[in-house]
Amino acid sequence: MDAKESLSGWRGASYLAESEDASLYGEIRDT
């Protein structure tokens, strides 16, 4: 998770709800 560039937006958001970014939320859930 820390190394994945596609999850860098999570690092910036800190706390991510699905309503804020459904695509990023889905990738974290899938991981």
PDB file of all heavy atoms in Angstrom:
ATOM      1  N   MET A   1       0.825  -1.211   0.000  1.00  0.00           N
ATOM      2  CA  MET A   1       0.000   0.000   0.000  1.00  0.00           C
ATOM      3  C   MET A   1       0.858   1.259   0.000  1.00  0.00           C
ATOM      4  O   MET A   1       0.575   2.232  -0.696  1.00  0.00           O
ATOM      5  CB  MET A   1      -0.921  -0.003   1.222  1.00  0.00           C
ATOM      6  CG  MET A   1      -2.060  -1.001   1.149  1.00  0.00           C
ATOM      7  SD  MET A   1      -3.000  -1.048   2.709  1.00  0.00           S
ATOM      8  CE  MET A   1      -4.521  -1.861   2.166  1.00  0.00           C
ATOM      9  N   ASP A   2       1.929   1.245   0.796  1.00  0.00           N
ATOM     10  CA  ASP A   2       2.800   2.413   0.892  1.00  0.00           C
ATOM     11  C   ASP A   2       3.546   2.677  -0.422  1.00  0.00           C
ATOM     12  O   ASP A   2       3.821   3.832  -0.763  1.00  0.00           O
ATOM     13  CB  ASP A   2       3.822   2.222   2.016  1.00  0.00           C
ATOM     14  CG  ASP A   2       3.183   2.359   3.390  1.00  0.00           C
ATOM     15  OD1 ASP A   2       2.034   2.835   3.463  1.00  0.00           O
ATOM     16  OD2 ASP A   2       3.828   1.985   4.390  1.00  0.00           O
ATOM     17  N   ALA A   3       3.888   1.592  -1.128  1.00  0.00           N
ATOM     18  CA  ALA A   3       4.691   1.726  -2.348  1.00  0.00           C
ATOM     19  C   ALA A   3       3.850   1.998  -3.590  1.00  0.00           C
ATOM     20  O   ALA A   3       4.378   2.462  -4.609  1.00  0.00           O
ATOM     21  CB  ALA A   3       5.521   0.458  -2.561  1.00  0.00           C
ATOM     22  N   LYS A   4       2.557   1.742  -3.528  1.00  0.00           N
ATOM     23  CA  LYS A   4       1.694   1.828  -4.702  1.00  0.00           C
ATOM     24  C   LYS A   4       1.364   3.279  -5.028  1.00  0.00           C
ATOM     25  O   LYS A   4       0.748   3.985  -4.234  1.00  0.00           O
ATOM     26  CB  LYS A   4       0.405   1.037  -4.453  1.00  0.00           C
ATOM     27  CG  LYS A   4      -0.142   0.349  -5.683  1.00  0.00           C
ATOM     28  CD  LYS A   4      -1.231  -0.635  -5.297  1.00  0.00           C
ATOM     29  CE  LYS A   4      -1.708  -1.395  -6.513  1.00  0.00           C
ATOM     30  NZ  LYS A   4      -2.781  -2.355  -6.157  1.00  0.00           N
ATOM     31  N   GLU A   5       1.773   3.721  -6.184  1.00  0.00           N
ATOM     32  CA  GLU A   5       1.554   5.106  -6.585  1.00  0.00           C
ATOM     33  C   GLU A   5       0.072   5.426  -6.718  1.00  0.00           C
ATOM     34  O   GLU A   5      -0.362   6.546  -6.407  1.00  0.00           O
ATOM     35  CB  GLU A   5       2.260   5.370  -7.923  1.00  0.00           C
ATOM     36  CG  GLU A   5       2.173   6.809  -8.404  1.00  0.00           C
ATOM     37  CD  GLU A   5       2.818   7.796  -7.428  1.00  0.00           C
ATOM     38  OE1 GLU A   5       3.792   7.420  -6.760  1.00  0.00           O
ATOM     39  OE2 GLU A   5       2.321   8.934  -7.349  1.00  0.00           O
ATOM     40  N   SER A   6      -0.707   4.450  -7.166  1.00  0.00           N
ATOM     41  CA  SER A   6      -2.141   4.685  -7.361  1.00  0.00           C
ATOM     42  C   SER A   6      -2.879   4.928  -6.045  1.00  0.00           C
ATOM     43  O   SER A   6      -4.011   5.411  -6.038  1.00  0.00           O
ATOM     44  CB  SER A   6      -2.785   3.505  -8.095  1.00  0.00           C
ATOM     45  OG  SER A   6      -2.592   2.297  -7.368  1.00  0.00           O
ATOM     46  N   LEU A   7      -2.240   4.596  -4.897  1.00  0.00           N
ATOM     47  CA  LEU A   7      -2.860   4.827  -3.589  1.00  0.00           C
ATOM     48  C   LEU A   7      -2.327   6.089  -2.912  1.00  0.00           C
ATOM     49  O   LEU A   7      -2.633   6.345  -1.749  1.00  0.00           O
ATOM     50  CB  LEU A   7      -2.628   3.624  -2.663  1.00  0.00           C
ATOM     51  CG  LEU A   7      -3.266   2.297  -3.083  1.00  0.00           C
ATOM     52  CD1 LEU A   7      -3.026   1.235  -2.023  1.00  0.00           C
ATOM     53  CD2 LEU A   7      -4.751   2.456  -3.348  1.00  0.00           C
ATOM     54  N   SER A   8      -1.535   6.868  -3.641  1.00  0.00           N
ATOM     55  CA  SER A   8      -0.936   8.066  -3.039  1.00  0.00           C
ATOM     56  C   SER A   8      -2.011   9.065  -2.604  1.00  0.00           C
ATOM     57  O   SER A   8      -1.816   9.833  -1.663  1.00  0.00           O
ATOM     58  CB  SER A   8       0.036   8.727  -4.013  1.00  0.00           C
ATOM     59  OG  SER A   8      -0.635   9.098  -5.214  1.00  0.00           O
ATOM     60  N   GLY A   9      -3.149   9.056  -3.290  1.00  0.00           N
ATOM     61  CA  GLY A   9      -4.241   9.948  -2.914  1.00  0.00           C
ATOM     62  C   GLY A   9      -4.799   9.621  -1.543  1.00  0.00           C
ATOM     63  O   GLY A   9      -5.308  10.504  -0.832  1.00  0.00           O
ATOM     64  N   TRP A  10      -4.728   8.353  -1.174  1.00  0.00           N
ATOM     65  CA  TRP A  10      -5.170   7.941   0.169  1.00  0.00           C
ATOM     66  C   TRP A  10      -4.265   8.560   1.222  1.00  0.00           C
ATOM     67  O   TRP A  10      -4.724   9.036   2.259  1.00  0.00           O
ATOM     68  CB  TRP A  10      -5.162   6.414   0.256  1.00  0.00           C
ATOM     69  CG  TRP A  10      -5.655   5.849   1.546  1.00  0.00           C
ATOM     70  CD1 TRP A  10      -6.497   6.441   2.447  1.00  0.00           C
ATOM     71  CD2 TRP A  10      -5.346   4.568   2.103  1.00  0.00           C
ATOM     72  NE1 TRP A  10      -6.740   5.612   3.518  1.00  0.00           N
ATOM     73  CE2 TRP A  10      -6.035   4.446   3.325  1.00  0.00           C
ATOM     74  CE3 TRP A  10      -4.557   3.494   1.677  1.00  0.00           C
ATOM     75  CZ2 TRP A  10      -5.956   3.313   4.132  1.00  0.00           C
ATOM     76  CZ3 TRP A  10      -4.484   2.357   2.461  1.00  0.00           C
ATOM     77  CH2 TRP A  10      -5.174   2.268   3.681  1.00  0.00           C
ATOM     78  N   ARG A  11      -2.955   8.568   0.921  1.00  0.00           N
ATOM     79  CA  ARG A  11      -1.998   9.153   1.859  1.00  0.00           C
ATOM     80  C   ARG A  11      -2.322  10.625   2.095  1.00  0.00           C
ATOM     81  O   ARG A  11      -2.255  11.129   3.217  1.00  0.00           O
ATOM     82  CB  ARG A  11      -0.580   9.000   1.308  1.00  0.00           C
ATOM     83  CG  ARG A  11       0.528   9.425   2.256  1.00  0.00           C
ATOM     84  CD  ARG A  11       1.906   9.338   1.608  1.00  0.00           C
ATOM     85  NE  ARG A  11       2.170   8.032   1.034  1.00  0.00           N
ATOM     86  CZ  ARG A  11       2.306   7.796  -0.260  1.00  0.00           C
ATOM     87  NH1 ARG A  11       2.213   8.805  -1.133  1.00  0.00           N
ATOM     88  NH2 ARG A  11       2.549   6.586  -0.713  1.00  0.00           N
ATOM     89  N   GLY A  12      -2.702  11.307   1.047  1.00  0.00           N
ATOM     90  CA  GLY A  12      -3.022  12.729   1.172  1.00  0.00           C
ATOM     91  C   GLY A  12      -4.335  12.976   1.883  1.00  0.00           C
ATOM     92  O   GLY A  12      -4.480  13.947   2.634  1.00  0.00           O
ATOM     93  N   ALA A  13      -5.308  12.070   1.682  1.00  0.00           N
ATOM     94  CA  ALA A  13      -6.620  12.240   2.306  1.00  0.00           C
ATOM     95  C   ALA A  13      -6.637  11.784   3.756  1.00  0.00           C
ATOM     96  O   ALA A  13      -7.439  12.247   4.548  1.00  0.00           O
ATOM     97  CB  ALA A  13      -7.672  11.466   1.507  1.00  0.00           C
ATOM     98  N   SER A  14      -5.773  10.853   4.109  1.00  0.00           N
ATOM     99  CA  SER A  14      -5.677  10.257   5.451  1.00  0.00           C
ATOM    100  C   SER A  14      -6.882   9.385   5.775  1.00  0.00           C
ATOM    101  O   SER A  14      -6.767   8.181   5.980  1.00  0.00           O
ATOM    102  CB  SER A  14      -5.499  11.316   6.539  1.00  0.00           C
ATOM    103  OG  SER A  14      -4.274  11.985   6.373  1.00  0.00           O
ATOM    104  N   TYR A  15      -8.082  10.005   5.837  1.00  0.00           N
ATOM    105  CA  TYR A  15      -9.312   9.257   6.117  1.00  0.00           C
ATOM    106  C   TYR A  15     -10.196   9.346   4.883  1.00  0.00           C
ATOM    107  O   TYR A  15     -10.629  10.441   4.503  1.00  0.00           O
ATOM    108  CB  TYR A  15     -10.032   9.825   7.339  1.00  0.00           C
ATOM    109  CG  TYR A  15      -9.200   9.792   8.591  1.00  0.00           C
ATOM    110  CD1 TYR A  15      -8.539  10.928   9.035  1.00  0.00           C
ATOM    111  CD2 TYR A  15      -9.056   8.609   9.329  1.00  0.00           C
ATOM    112  CE1 TYR A  15      -7.758  10.904  10.179  1.00  0.00           C
ATOM    113  CE2 TYR A  15      -8.276   8.582  10.476  1.00  0.00           C
ATOM    114  CZ  TYR A  15      -7.630   9.730  10.894  1.00  0.00           C
ATOM    115  OH  TYR A  15      -6.856   9.705  12.026  1.00  0.00           O
ATOM    116  N   LEU A  16     -10.459   8.199   4.255  1.00  0.00           N
ATOM    117  CA  LEU A  16     -11.156   8.193   2.972  1.00  0.00           C
ATOM    118  C   LEU A  16     -12.482   7.457   3.060  1.00  0.00           C
ATOM    119  O   LEU A  16     -12.530   6.270   3.393  1.00  0.00           O
ATOM    120  CB  LEU A  16     -10.281   7.533   1.901  1.00  0.00           C
ATOM    121  CG  LEU A  16     -10.863   7.545   0.500  1.00  0.00           C
ATOM    122  CD1 LEU A  16     -10.776   8.949  -0.105  1.00  0.00           C
ATOM    123  CD2 LEU A  16     -10.126   6.552  -0.401  1.00  0.00           C
ATOM    124  N   ALA A  17     -13.578   8.172   2.765  1.00  0.00           N
ATOM    125  CA  ALA A  17     -14.896   7.575   2.652  1.00  0.00           C
ATOM    126  C   ALA A  17     -15.208   7.332   1.177  1.00  0.00           C
ATOM    127  O   ALA A  17     -14.638   7.991   0.293  1.00  0.00           O
ATOM    128  CB  ALA A  17     -15.943   8.492   3.267  1.00  0.00           C
ATOM    129  N   GLU A  18     -16.093   6.402   0.910  1.00  0.00           N
ATOM    130  CA  GLU A  18     -16.421   6.060  -0.479  1.00  0.00           C
ATOM    131  C   GLU A  18     -16.980   7.261  -1.225  1.00  0.00           C
ATOM    132  O   GLU A  18     -16.715   7.446  -2.420  1.00  0.00           O
ATOM    133  CB  GLU A  18     -17.417   4.906  -0.516  1.00  0.00           C
ATOM    134  CG  GLU A  18     -17.689   4.385  -1.916  1.00  0.00           C
ATOM    135  CD  GLU A  18     -18.506   3.116  -1.929  1.00  0.00           C
ATOM    136  OE1 GLU A  18     -19.097   2.779  -0.886  1.00  0.00           O
ATOM    137  OE2 GLU A  18     -18.572   2.451  -2.978  1.00  0.00           O
ATOM    138  N   SER A  19     -17.728   8.105  -0.533  1.00  0.00           N
ATOM    139  CA  SER A  19     -18.337   9.264  -1.180  1.00  0.00           C
ATOM    140  C   SER A  19     -17.309  10.286  -1.661  1.00  0.00           C
ATOM    141  O   SER A  19     -17.597  11.105  -2.532  1.00  0.00           O
ATOM    142  CB  SER A  19     -19.312   9.941  -0.216  1.00  0.00           C
ATOM    143  OG  SER A  19     -18.638  10.353   0.967  1.00  0.00           O
ATOM    144  N   GLU A  20     -16.106  10.230  -1.104  1.00  0.00           N
ATOM    145  CA  GLU A  20     -15.071  11.209  -1.455  1.00  0.00           C
ATOM    146  C   GLU A  20     -14.328  10.820  -2.734  1.00  0.00           C
ATOM    147  O   GLU A  20     -13.955  11.684  -3.522  1.00  0.00           O
ATOM    148  CB  GLU A  20     -14.083  11.362  -0.300  1.00  0.00           C
ATOM    149  CG  GLU A  20     -14.719  11.948   0.954  1.00  0.00           C
ATOM    150  CD  GLU A  20     -13.819  11.869   2.164  1.00  0.00           C
ATOM    151  OE1 GLU A  20     -13.109  10.860   2.324  1.00  0.00           O
ATOM    152  OE2 GLU A  20     -13.828  12.820   2.954  1.00  0.00           O
ATOM    153  N   ASP A  21     -14.094   9.532  -2.931  1.00  0.00           N
ATOM    154  CA  ASP A  21     -13.402   9.040  -4.132  1.00  0.00           C
ATOM    155  C   ASP A  21     -13.708   7.556  -4.276  1.00  0.00           C
ATOM    156  O   ASP A  21     -13.002   6.706  -3.732  1.00  0.00           O
ATOM    157  CB  ASP A  21     -11.894   9.282  -4.010  1.00  0.00           C
ATOM    158  CG  ASP A  21     -11.145   9.019  -5.323  1.00  0.00           C
ATOM    159  OD1 ASP A  21     -11.596   8.143  -6.088  1.00  0.00           O
ATOM    160  OD2 ASP A  21     -10.117   9.671  -5.563  1.00  0.00           O
ATOM    161  N   ALA A  22     -14.772   7.243  -5.030  1.00  0.00           N
ATOM    162  CA  ALA A  22     -15.248   5.862  -5.141  1.00  0.00           C
ATOM    163  C   ALA A  22     -14.201   4.951  -5.771  1.00  0.00           C
ATOM    164  O   ALA A  22     -14.052   3.787  -5.377  1.00  0.00           O
ATOM    165  CB  ALA A  22     -16.545   5.814  -5.942  1.00  0.00           C
ATOM    166  N   SER A  23     -13.458   5.457  -6.745  1.00  0.00           N
ATOM    167  CA  SER A  23     -12.458   4.645  -7.433  1.00  0.00           C
ATOM    168  C   SER A  23     -11.310   4.269  -6.495  1.00  0.00           C
ATOM    169  O   SER A  23     -10.895   3.105  -6.422  1.00  0.00           O
ATOM    170  CB  SER A  23     -11.918   5.402  -8.644  1.00  0.00           C
ATOM    171  OG  SER A  23     -10.892   4.659  -9.280  1.00  0.00           O
ATOM    172  N   LEU A  24     -10.774   5.254  -5.780  1.00  0.00           N
ATOM    173  CA  LEU A  24      -9.683   5.001  -4.848  1.00  0.00           C
ATOM    174  C   LEU A  24     -10.161   4.115  -3.704  1.00  0.00           C
ATOM    175  O   LEU A  24      -9.462   3.183  -3.290  1.00  0.00           O
ATOM    176  CB  LEU A  24      -9.151   6.332  -4.300  1.00  0.00           C
ATOM    177  CG  LEU A  24      -8.008   6.264  -3.284  1.00  0.00           C
ATOM    178  CD1 LEU A  24      -6.818   5.511  -3.849  1.00  0.00           C
ATOM    179  CD2 LEU A  24      -7.601   7.674  -2.853  1.00  0.00           C
ATOM    180  N   TYR A  25     -11.353   4.389  -3.203  1.00  0.00           N
ATOM    181  CA  TYR A  25     -11.948   3.571  -2.138  1.00  0.00           C
ATOM    182  C   TYR A  25     -12.038   2.117  -2.592  1.00  0.00           C
ATOM    183  O   TYR A  25     -11.703   1.197  -1.833  1.00  0.00           O
ATOM    184  CB  TYR A  25     -13.325   4.116  -1.795  1.00  0.00           C
ATOM    185  CG  TYR A  25     -14.018   3.435  -0.643  1.00  0.00           C
ATOM    186  CD1 TYR A  25     -13.948   3.956   0.651  1.00  0.00           C
ATOM    187  CD2 TYR A  25     -14.779   2.275  -0.841  1.00  0.00           C
ATOM    188  CE1 TYR A  25     -14.608   3.347   1.712  1.00  0.00           C
ATOM    189  CE2 TYR A  25     -15.432   1.666   0.211  1.00  0.00           C
ATOM    190  CZ  TYR A  25     -15.348   2.195   1.477  1.00  0.00           C
ATOM    191  OH  TYR A  25     -15.995   1.570   2.517  1.00  0.00           O
ATOM    192  N   GLY A  26     -12.470   1.906  -3.831  1.00  0.00           N
ATOM    193  CA  GLY A  26     -12.607   0.554  -4.363  1.00  0.00           C
ATOM    194  C   GLY A  26     -11.274  -0.169  -4.475  1.00  0.00           C
ATOM    195  O   GLY A  26     -11.182  -1.373  -4.206  1.00  0.00           O
ATOM    196  N   GLU A  27     -10.233   0.564  -4.857  1.00  0.00           N
ATOM    197  CA  GLU A  27      -8.912  -0.071  -4.981  1.00  0.00           C
ATOM    198  C   GLU A  27      -8.377  -0.495  -3.613  1.00  0.00           C
ATOM    199  O   GLU A  27      -7.780  -1.571  -3.476  1.00  0.00           O
ATOM    200  CB  GLU A  27      -7.923   0.882  -5.649  1.00  0.00           C
ATOM    201  CG  GLU A  27      -6.571   0.218  -5.921  1.00  0.00           C
ATOM    202  CD  GLU A  27      -5.609   1.103  -6.693  1.00  0.00           C
ATOM    203  OE1 GLU A  27      -6.013   2.224  -7.090  1.00  0.00           O
ATOM    204  OE2 GLU A  27      -4.448   0.673  -6.899  1.00  0.00           O
ATOM    205  N   ILE A  28      -8.585   0.333  -2.599  1.00  0.00           N
ATOM    206  CA  ILE A  28      -8.150  -0.033  -1.245  1.00  0.00           C
ATOM    207  C   ILE A  28      -8.928  -1.249  -0.768  1.00  0.00           C
ATOM    208  O   ILE A  28      -8.357  -2.200  -0.217  1.00  0.00           O
ATOM    209  CB  ILE A  28      -8.359   1.147  -0.272  1.00  0.00           C
ATOM    210  CG1 ILE A  28      -7.544   2.361  -0.720  1.00  0.00           C
ATOM    211  CG2 ILE A  28      -7.958   0.743   1.145  1.00  0.00           C
ATOM    212  CD1 ILE A  28      -7.917   3.648  -0.001  1.00  0.00           C
ATOM    213  N   ARG A  29     -10.243  -1.227  -0.973  1.00  0.00           N
ATOM    214  CA  ARG A  29     -11.088  -2.359  -0.573  1.00  0.00           C
ATOM    215  C   ARG A  29     -10.640  -3.647  -1.266  1.00  0.00           C
ATOM    216  O   ARG A  29     -10.550  -4.709  -0.633  1.00  0.00           O
ATOM    217  CB  ARG A  29     -12.544  -2.051  -0.929  1.00  0.00           C
ATOM    218  CG  ARG A  29     -13.540  -3.156  -0.574  1.00  0.00           C
ATOM    219  CD  ARG A  29     -14.855  -2.912  -1.275  1.00  0.00           C
ATOM    220  NE  ARG A  29     -14.663  -2.855  -2.717  1.00  0.00           N
ATOM    221  CZ  ARG A  29     -15.341  -2.026  -3.530  1.00  0.00           C
ATOM    222  NH1 ARG A  29     -16.229  -1.191  -3.049  1.00  0.00           N
ATOM    223  NH2 ARG A  29     -15.091  -2.043  -4.835  1.00  0.00           N
ATOM    224  N   ASP A  30     -10.309  -3.548  -2.557  1.00  0.00           N
ATOM    225  CA  ASP A  30      -9.874  -4.729  -3.311  1.00  0.00           C
ATOM    226  C   ASP A  30      -8.525  -5.250  -2.811  1.00  0.00           C
ATOM    227  O   ASP A  30      -8.270  -6.462  -2.832  1.00  0.00           O
ATOM    228  CB  ASP A  30      -9.783  -4.401  -4.807  1.00  0.00           C
ATOM    229  CG  ASP A  30     -11.157  -4.136  -5.427  1.00  0.00           C
ATOM    230  OD1 ASP A  30     -12.161  -4.474  -4.784  1.00  0.00           O
ATOM    231  OD2 ASP A  30     -11.203  -3.585  -6.548  1.00  0.00           O
ATOM    232  N   THR A  31      -7.654  -4.346  -2.372  1.00  0.00           N
ATOM    233  CA  THR A  31      -6.361  -4.766  -1.828  1.00  0.00           C
ATOM    234  C   THR A  31      -6.554  -5.561  -0.538  1.00  0.00           C
ATOM    235  O   THR A  31      -5.940  -6.614  -0.339  1.00  0.00           O
ATOM    236  CB  THR A  31      -5.459  -3.547  -1.567  1.00  0.00           C
ATOM    237  OG1 THR A  31      -5.306  -2.790  -2.768  1.00  0.00           O
ATOM    238  CG2 THR A  31      -4.075  -3.994  -1.078  1.00  0.00           C
TER     239      THR A  31
END
